Amino acid sequence: MGATERLAPLRGLYAITPEAPDPAKLLRLVAAALDGGARLVQYRAKRLSARERAAAATPLLALCRARGVPLIVNDDIELARALGADGVHLGRDDGDPARARSLLPGAILGVSCYDDPERAAAAERAGADYVGIGSVFASPTKPDAARAGLAALVQARRRVRIPIAAIGGITAANAADAVRAGADMLAVITALFDAPDVAAAARSLSRSFEPEADTHARTQPAAL
């Protein structure tokens, strides 16, 4: 897979899976998010064993493949390799991006850069296909996370050419602000998967990427 093919899906709603020990429930939730327009899915499971993660991720990968949507594995290069997943996302303590690129040469590589635009530039040099900036807003998933704010999105957009995923406290109410500040993707857990209607929440979050909304957002001054 060449760089152009890897980058093609990196725009829109990026669904980050919640902690769901029941694989069948997780599959239903992700299917609803895909019904609503999610363009990328990240499998994130911090509390499960390696065996449990593999058991849950295998049918999830099949679902995403059937829908033509990439599945990214959070934190675990070896699981991504074993599954043949479409990519891996690395946090601060999850390994070297350059090593991950060497092990997964054709895969999508994402790197969390928190509130640090310089880290984003370094990740791009190491071979990342996209970077994550956040927490942009107050996050119920990581309430103690450093607040990057919209300013960090603006600064990262000036520093890198690869896509940027805004993460942390993204809702339908503030999604357009993140897109206006430079986000190519909106990485969402709570506002998506805690919604009573996941598909409807996905559609609402995705509206910021509709042509009319995008044109309006990109022509307005960035909110800082």
C-alpha atoms as a PDB file:
ATOM      1  CA  MET A   1       0.000   0.000   0.000  1.00  0.00           C
ATOM      2  CA  GLY A   2       1.470   3.331  -1.045  1.00  0.00           C
ATOM      3  CA  ALA A   3       1.331   6.595   0.873  1.00  0.00           C
ATOM      4  CA  THR A   4      -1.548   7.944  -1.218  1.00  0.00           C
ATOM      5  CA  GLU A   5      -3.666   4.871  -0.500  1.00  0.00           C
ATOM      6  CA  ARG A   6      -2.848   5.021   3.206  1.00  0.00           C
ATOM      7  CA  LEU A   7      -3.823   8.681   3.483  1.00  0.00           C
ATOM      8  CA  ALA A   8      -7.048   8.429   1.459  1.00  0.00           C
ATOM      9  CA  PRO A   9      -9.385   7.449   4.350  1.00  0.00           C
ATOM     10  CA  LEU A  10      -7.845   9.821   6.895  1.00  0.00           C
ATOM     11  CA  ARG A  11     -10.633  12.369   7.006  1.00  0.00           C
ATOM     12  CA  GLY A  12     -13.884  12.381   8.906  1.00  0.00           C
ATOM     13  CA  LEU A  13     -15.172  10.711  12.045  1.00  0.00           C
ATOM     14  CA  TYR A  14     -12.590   8.479  13.746  1.00  0.00           C
ATOM     15  CA  ALA A  15     -14.430   6.102  16.072  1.00  0.00           C
ATOM     16  CA  ILE A  16     -12.360   5.022  19.093  1.00  0.00           C
ATOM     17  CA  THR A  17     -13.872   1.959  20.740  1.00  0.00           C
ATOM     18  CA  PRO A  18     -14.961   2.075  24.385  1.00  0.00           C
ATOM     19  CA  GLU A  19     -13.971  -0.471  27.011  1.00  0.00           C
ATOM     20  CA  ALA A  20     -16.452  -3.238  26.178  1.00  0.00           C
ATOM     21  CA  PRO A  21     -15.557  -6.715  27.464  1.00  0.00           C
ATOM     22  CA  ASP A  22     -18.466  -8.239  25.524  1.00  0.00           C
ATOM     23  CA  PRO A  23     -17.221  -8.657  21.898  1.00  0.00           C
ATOM     24  CA  ALA A  24     -20.768  -9.018  20.556  1.00  0.00           C
ATOM     25  CA  LYS A  25     -21.825  -5.719  22.134  1.00  0.00           C
ATOM     26  CA  LEU A  26     -18.708  -4.018  20.823  1.00  0.00           C
ATOM     27  CA  LEU A  27     -19.452  -5.297  17.331  1.00  0.00           C
ATOM     28  CA  ARG A  28     -22.992  -3.882  17.486  1.00  0.00           C
ATOM     29  CA  LEU A  29     -21.736  -0.502  18.664  1.00  0.00           C
ATOM     30  CA  VAL A  30     -19.108  -0.242  15.948  1.00  0.00           C
ATOM     31  CA  ALA A  31     -21.581  -1.386  13.277  1.00  0.00           C
ATOM     32  CA  ALA A  32     -23.889   1.457  14.333  1.00  0.00           C
ATOM     33  CA  ALA A  33     -21.021   3.965  14.166  1.00  0.00           C
ATOM     34  CA  LEU A  34     -20.197   2.764  10.660  1.00  0.00           C
ATOM     35  CA  ASP A  35     -23.876   3.052   9.719  1.00  0.00           C
ATOM     36  CA  GLY A  36     -23.663   6.696  10.794  1.00  0.00           C
ATOM     37  CA  GLY A  37     -20.602   7.442   8.690  1.00  0.00           C
ATOM     38  CA  ALA A  38     -17.467   6.686  10.734  1.00  0.00           C
ATOM     39  CA  ARG A  39     -14.511   6.648   8.330  1.00  0.00           C
ATOM     40  CA  LEU A  40     -11.876   5.056  10.565  1.00  0.00           C
ATOM     41  CA  VAL A  41     -12.081   2.771  13.620  1.00  0.00           C
ATOM     42  CA  GLN A  42      -9.524   2.338  16.377  1.00  0.00           C
ATOM     43  CA  TYR A  43      -9.683  -0.728  18.604  1.00  0.00           C
ATOM     44  CA  ARG A  44      -8.741   0.461  22.101  1.00  0.00           C
ATOM     45  CA  ALA A  45      -8.873  -1.947  25.055  1.00  0.00           C
ATOM     46  CA  LYS A  46      -6.729  -1.084  28.066  1.00  0.00           C
ATOM     47  CA  ARG A  47      -8.222  -3.525  30.567  1.00  0.00           C
ATOM     48  CA  LEU A  48      -8.334  -6.799  28.646  1.00  0.00           C
ATOM     49  CA  SER A  49      -5.739  -9.537  28.387  1.00  0.00           C
ATOM     50  CA  ALA A  50      -3.848 -10.118  25.154  1.00  0.00           C
ATOM     51  CA  ARG A  51      -6.050 -13.134  24.403  1.00  0.00           C
ATOM     52  CA  GLU A  52      -9.239 -11.184  25.048  1.00  0.00           C
ATOM     53  CA  ARG A  53      -8.063  -8.309  22.845  1.00  0.00           C
ATOM     54  CA  ALA A  54      -7.315 -10.672  19.977  1.00  0.00           C
ATOM     55  CA  ALA A  55     -10.684 -12.405  20.366  1.00  0.00           C
ATOM     56  CA  ALA A  56     -12.550  -9.085  20.241  1.00  0.00           C
ATOM     57  CA  ALA A  57     -10.465  -7.519  17.486  1.00  0.00           C
ATOM     58  CA  THR A  58     -10.757 -10.401  15.021  1.00  0.00           C
ATOM     59  CA  PRO A  59     -14.507 -10.040  14.274  1.00  0.00           C
ATOM     60  CA  LEU A  60     -14.118  -6.263  14.454  1.00  0.00           C
ATOM     61  CA  LEU A  61     -11.538  -6.388  11.683  1.00  0.00           C
ATOM     62  CA  ALA A  62     -13.874  -8.551   9.594  1.00  0.00           C
ATOM     63  CA  LEU A  63     -16.691  -6.029  10.079  1.00  0.00           C
ATOM     64  CA  CYS A  64     -14.501  -3.089   9.110  1.00  0.00           C
ATOM     65  CA  ARG A  65     -13.154  -4.914   6.067  1.00  0.00           C
ATOM     66  CA  ALA A  66     -16.697  -5.695   4.939  1.00  0.00           C
ATOM     67  CA  ARG A  67     -17.565  -1.985   5.230  1.00  0.00           C
ATOM     68  CA  GLY A  68     -14.357  -0.806   3.548  1.00  0.00           C
ATOM     69  CA  VAL A  69     -13.190   1.095   6.647  1.00  0.00           C
ATOM     70  CA  PRO A  70      -9.662   0.742   8.097  1.00  0.00           C
ATOM     71  CA  LEU A  71      -9.216  -0.751  11.569  1.00  0.00           C
ATOM     72  CA  ILE A  72      -6.365   0.677  13.635  1.00  0.00           C
ATOM     73  CA  VAL A  73      -5.074  -1.107  16.750  1.00  0.00           C
ATOM     74  CA  ASN A  74      -4.256   1.113  19.722  1.00  0.00           C
ATOM     75  CA  ASP A  75      -0.863   0.693  21.401  1.00  0.00           C
ATOM     76  CA  ASP A  76      -0.142  -2.893  20.334  1.00  0.00           C
ATOM     77  CA  ILE A  77       2.185  -3.378  17.353  1.00  0.00           C
ATOM     78  CA  GLU A  78       2.275  -7.150  17.795  1.00  0.00           C
ATOM     79  CA  LEU A  79      -1.515  -7.476  17.805  1.00  0.00           C
ATOM     80  CA  ALA A  80      -1.734  -5.298  14.706  1.00  0.00           C
ATOM     81  CA  ARG A  81       0.787  -7.550  12.953  1.00  0.00           C
ATOM     82  CA  ALA A  82      -0.880 -10.767  14.095  1.00  0.00           C
ATOM     83  CA  LEU A  83      -4.309  -9.635  12.940  1.00  0.00           C
ATOM     84  CA  GLY A  84      -3.139  -8.068   9.706  1.00  0.00           C
ATOM     85  CA  ALA A  85      -4.899  -4.897  10.856  1.00  0.00           C
ATOM     86  CA  ASP A  86      -4.815  -1.787   8.711  1.00  0.00           C
ATOM     87  CA  GLY A  87      -2.645   0.120  11.129  1.00  0.00           C
ATOM     88  CA  VAL A  88      -1.475   0.912  14.645  1.00  0.00           C
ATOM     89  CA  HIS A  89      -1.693   3.974  16.856  1.00  0.00           C
ATOM     90  CA  LEU A  90       1.089   4.693  19.340  1.00  0.00           C
ATOM     91  CA  GLY A  91       1.011   6.747  22.510  1.00  0.00           C
ATOM     92  CA  ARG A  92       3.965   8.212  24.353  1.00  0.00           C
ATOM     93  CA  ASP A  93       5.036   4.895  25.895  1.00  0.00           C
ATOM     94  CA  ASP A  94       3.985   2.490  23.140  1.00  0.00           C
ATOM     95  CA  GLY A  95       7.144   2.228  21.105  1.00  0.00           C
ATOM     96  CA  ASP A  96       9.195   4.088  18.546  1.00  0.00           C
ATOM     97  CA  PRO A  97       7.270   5.296  15.476  1.00  0.00           C
ATOM     98  CA  ALA A  98      10.247   4.615  13.213  1.00  0.00           C
ATOM     99  CA  ARG A  99      10.393   1.004  14.449  1.00  0.00           C
ATOM    100  CA  ALA A 100       6.648   0.621  13.965  1.00  0.00           C
ATOM    101  CA  ARG A 101       6.988   1.902  10.409  1.00  0.00           C
ATOM    102  CA  SER A 102       9.732  -0.642   9.720  1.00  0.00           C
ATOM    103  CA  LEU A 103       7.612  -3.487  11.123  1.00  0.00           C
ATOM    104  CA  LEU A 104       4.412  -2.366   9.393  1.00  0.00           C
ATOM    105  CA  PRO A 105       5.650  -0.753   6.168  1.00  0.00           C
ATOM    106  CA  GLY A 106       2.295  -0.716   4.380  1.00  0.00           C
ATOM    107  CA  ALA A 107       0.093   0.071   7.356  1.00  0.00           C
ATOM    108  CA  ILE A 108      -1.428   3.296   8.658  1.00  0.00           C
ATOM    109  CA  LEU A 109       0.698   4.689  11.493  1.00  0.00           C
ATOM    110  CA  GLY A 110      -0.761   7.185  13.942  1.00  0.00           C
ATOM    111  CA  VAL A 111       1.049   8.870  16.823  1.00  0.00           C
ATOM    112  CA  SER A 112      -0.382  10.700  19.832  1.00  0.00           C
ATOM    113  CA  CYS A 113       1.273  14.099  20.179  1.00  0.00           C
ATOM    114  CA  TYR A 114      -0.854  15.480  23.018  1.00  0.00           C
ATOM    115  CA  ASP A 115      -0.351  19.261  23.291  1.00  0.00           C
ATOM    116  CA  ASP A 116       3.027  19.308  21.527  1.00  0.00           C
ATOM    117  CA  PRO A 117       3.183  20.463  17.874  1.00  0.00           C
ATOM    118  CA  GLU A 118       6.932  19.776  17.821  1.00  0.00           C
ATOM    119  CA  ARG A 119       6.253  16.141  18.680  1.00  0.00           C
ATOM    120  CA  ALA A 120       3.877  16.096  15.709  1.00  0.00           C
ATOM    121  CA  ALA A 121       6.639  17.302  13.414  1.00  0.00           C
ATOM    122  CA  ALA A 122       8.992  14.626  14.771  1.00  0.00           C
ATOM    123  CA  ALA A 123       6.324  11.944  14.237  1.00  0.00           C
ATOM    124  CA  GLU A 124       5.912  13.034  10.632  1.00  0.00           C
ATOM    125  CA  ARG A 125       9.651  12.744  10.090  1.00  0.00           C
ATOM    126  CA  ALA A 126       9.582   9.246  11.633  1.00  0.00           C
ATOM    127  CA  GLY A 127       7.009   8.072   9.092  1.00  0.00           C
ATOM    128  CA  ALA A 128       3.647   8.705  10.782  1.00  0.00           C
ATOM    129  CA  ASP A 129       0.636   8.922   8.484  1.00  0.00           C
ATOM    130  CA  TYR A 130      -1.335  11.055  10.945  1.00  0.00           C
ATOM    131  CA  VAL A 131      -0.916  12.597  14.381  1.00  0.00           C
ATOM    132  CA  GLY A 132      -3.338  13.002  17.260  1.00  0.00           C
ATOM    133  CA  ILE A 133      -3.606  16.314  19.121  1.00  0.00           C
ATOM    134  CA  GLY A 134      -5.483  16.561  22.413  1.00  0.00           C
ATOM    135  CA  SER A 135      -7.091  16.748  24.771  1.00  0.00           C
ATOM    136  CA  VAL A 136      -8.643  19.566  22.746  1.00  0.00           C
ATOM    137  CA  PHE A 137     -11.568  19.947  25.157  1.00  0.00           C
ATOM    138  CA  ALA A 138     -12.199  18.519  28.631  1.00  0.00           C
ATOM    139  CA  SER A 139     -12.275  14.751  28.227  1.00  0.00           C
ATOM    140  CA  PRO A 140     -14.483  12.394  30.267  1.00  0.00           C
ATOM    141  CA  THR A 141     -12.262   9.492  29.195  1.00  0.00           C
ATOM    142  CA  LYS A 142      -9.041  11.150  30.391  1.00  0.00           C
ATOM    143  CA  PRO A 143     -10.086  13.907  32.821  1.00  0.00           C
ATOM    144  CA  ASP A 144      -6.478  14.523  33.920  1.00  0.00           C
ATOM    145  CA  ALA A 145      -5.069  14.816  30.402  1.00  0.00           C
ATOM    146  CA  ALA A 146      -3.173  17.974  29.515  1.00  0.00           C
ATOM    147  CA  ARG A 147      -5.385  20.414  27.637  1.00  0.00           C
ATOM    148  CA  ALA A 148      -4.016  21.093  24.187  1.00  0.00           C
ATOM    149  CA  GLY A 149      -6.834  23.423  23.244  1.00  0.00           C
ATOM    150  CA  LEU A 150      -7.634  24.631  19.769  1.00  0.00           C
ATOM    151  CA  ALA A 151      -4.393  26.599  19.658  1.00  0.00           C
ATOM    152  CA  ALA A 152      -2.341  23.392  19.559  1.00  0.00           C
ATOM    153  CA  LEU A 153      -4.369  22.223  16.565  1.00  0.00           C
ATOM    154  CA  VAL A 154      -3.658  25.474  14.756  1.00  0.00           C
ATOM    155  CA  GLN A 155       0.060  25.238  15.527  1.00  0.00           C
ATOM    156  CA  ALA A 156       0.277  21.572  14.527  1.00  0.00           C
ATOM    157  CA  ARG A 157      -1.497  22.327  11.246  1.00  0.00           C
ATOM    158  CA  ARG A 158       1.242  24.843  10.470  1.00  0.00           C
ATOM    159  CA  ARG A 159       3.978  22.334  11.291  1.00  0.00           C
ATOM    160  CA  VAL A 160       2.869  19.146   9.497  1.00  0.00           C
ATOM    161  CA  ARG A 161       1.468  18.141   6.130  1.00  0.00           C
ATOM    162  CA  ILE A 162      -0.017  14.827   7.263  1.00  0.00           C
ATOM    163  CA  PRO A 163      -3.590  14.572   8.597  1.00  0.00           C
ATOM    164  CA  ILE A 164      -4.358  15.594  12.176  1.00  0.00           C
ATOM    165  CA  ALA A 165      -6.867  13.891  14.465  1.00  0.00           C
ATOM    166  CA  ALA A 166      -8.388  16.058  17.181  1.00  0.00           C
ATOM    167  CA  ILE A 167      -9.191  14.059  20.313  1.00  0.00           C
ATOM    168  CA  GLY A 168     -10.576  14.793  23.734  1.00  0.00           C
ATOM    169  CA  GLY A 169     -14.043  16.040  24.581  1.00  0.00           C
ATOM    170  CA  ILE A 170     -15.210  16.243  20.957  1.00  0.00           C
ATOM    171  CA  THR A 171     -18.990  16.616  20.668  1.00  0.00           C
ATOM    172  CA  ALA A 172     -21.403  17.598  17.923  1.00  0.00           C
ATOM    173  CA  ALA A 173     -21.498  21.078  19.493  1.00  0.00           C
ATOM    174  CA  ASN A 174     -17.753  21.736  19.232  1.00  0.00           C
ATOM    175  CA  ALA A 175     -16.771  19.540  16.285  1.00  0.00           C
ATOM    176  CA  ALA A 176     -16.833  22.403  13.799  1.00  0.00           C
ATOM    177  CA  ASP A 177     -14.451  24.410  15.995  1.00  0.00           C
ATOM    178  CA  ALA A 178     -11.910  21.577  15.830  1.00  0.00           C
ATOM    179  CA  VAL A 179     -12.250  21.275  12.061  1.00  0.00           C
ATOM    180  CA  ARG A 180     -11.887  25.040  11.688  1.00  0.00           C
ATOM    181  CA  ALA A 181      -8.689  24.910  13.756  1.00  0.00           C
ATOM    182  CA  GLY A 182      -7.165  22.335  11.418  1.00  0.00           C
ATOM    183  CA  ALA A 183      -8.429  18.859  12.310  1.00  0.00           C
ATOM    184  CA  ASP A 184      -8.824  16.395   9.443  1.00  0.00           C
ATOM    185  CA  MET A 185     -10.350  13.779  11.732  1.00  0.00           C
ATOM    186  CA  LEU A 186     -12.426  13.878  14.901  1.00  0.00           C
ATOM    187  CA  ALA A 187     -11.473  11.038  17.258  1.00  0.00           C
ATOM    188  CA  VAL A 188     -14.440  10.347  19.511  1.00  0.00           C
ATOM    189  CA  ILE A 189     -15.322   7.844  22.225  1.00  0.00           C
ATOM    190  CA  THR A 190     -17.893   9.154  24.715  1.00  0.00           C
ATOM    191  CA  ALA A 191     -20.053  11.429  22.559  1.00  0.00           C
ATOM    192  CA  LEU A 192     -20.350   8.598  20.072  1.00  0.00           C
ATOM    193  CA  PHE A 193     -20.601   5.342  21.992  1.00  0.00           C
ATOM    194  CA  ASP A 194     -22.424   6.646  25.076  1.00  0.00           C
ATOM    195  CA  ALA A 195     -25.151   8.145  22.895  1.00  0.00           C
ATOM    196  CA  PRO A 196     -28.572   6.473  23.033  1.00  0.00           C
ATOM    197  CA  ASP A 197     -28.484   6.242  19.220  1.00  0.00           C
ATOM    198  CA  VAL A 198     -24.898   5.629  18.081  1.00  0.00           C
ATOM    199  CA  ALA A 199     -25.661   5.881  14.376  1.00  0.00           C
ATOM    200  CA  ALA A 200     -27.434   9.219  14.849  1.00  0.00           C
ATOM    201  CA  ALA A 201     -24.527  10.511  16.945  1.00  0.00           C
ATOM    202  CA  ALA A 202     -22.096   9.475  14.201  1.00  0.00           C
ATOM    203  CA  ARG A 203     -24.129  11.305  11.588  1.00  0.00           C
ATOM    204  CA  SER A 204     -24.250  14.429  13.736  1.00  0.00           C
ATOM    205  CA  LEU A 205     -20.495  14.381  14.374  1.00  0.00           C
ATOM    206  CA  SER A 206     -19.813  13.790  10.687  1.00  0.00           C
ATOM    207  CA  ARG A 207     -21.706  16.882   9.556  1.00  0.00           C
ATOM    208  CA  SER A 208     -18.635  19.026  10.142  1.00  0.00           C
ATOM    209  CA  PHE A 209     -17.059  17.264   7.154  1.00  0.00           C
ATOM    210  CA  GLU A 210     -19.915  17.846   4.721  1.00  0.00           C
ATOM    211  CA  PRO A 211     -18.847  20.136   1.840  1.00  0.00           C
ATOM    212  CA  GLU A 212     -21.008  23.068   2.913  1.00  0.00           C
ATOM    213  CA  ALA A 213     -19.916  22.897   6.550  1.00  0.00           C
ATOM    214  CA  ASP A 214     -16.264  22.406   5.584  1.00  0.00           C
ATOM    215  CA  THR A 215     -16.251  25.397   3.230  1.00  0.00           C
ATOM    216  CA  HIS A 216     -17.756  27.580   5.911  1.00  0.00           C
ATOM    217  CA  ALA A 217     -15.373  26.313   8.590  1.00  0.00           C
ATOM    218  CA  ARG A 218     -12.218  26.708   6.538  1.00  0.00           C
ATOM    219  CA  THR A 219     -13.016  30.292   5.544  1.00  0.00           C
ATOM    220  CA  GLN A 220     -13.569  31.500   9.094  1.00  0.00           C
ATOM    221  CA  PRO A 221     -10.772  32.662  11.437  1.00  0.00           C
ATOM    222  CA  ALA A 222      -9.403  29.881  13.618  1.00  0.00           C
ATOM    223  CA  ALA A 223     -10.810  29.963  17.132  1.00  0.00           C
ATOM    224  CA  LEU A 224      -7.971  30.331  19.627  1.00  0.00           C
END
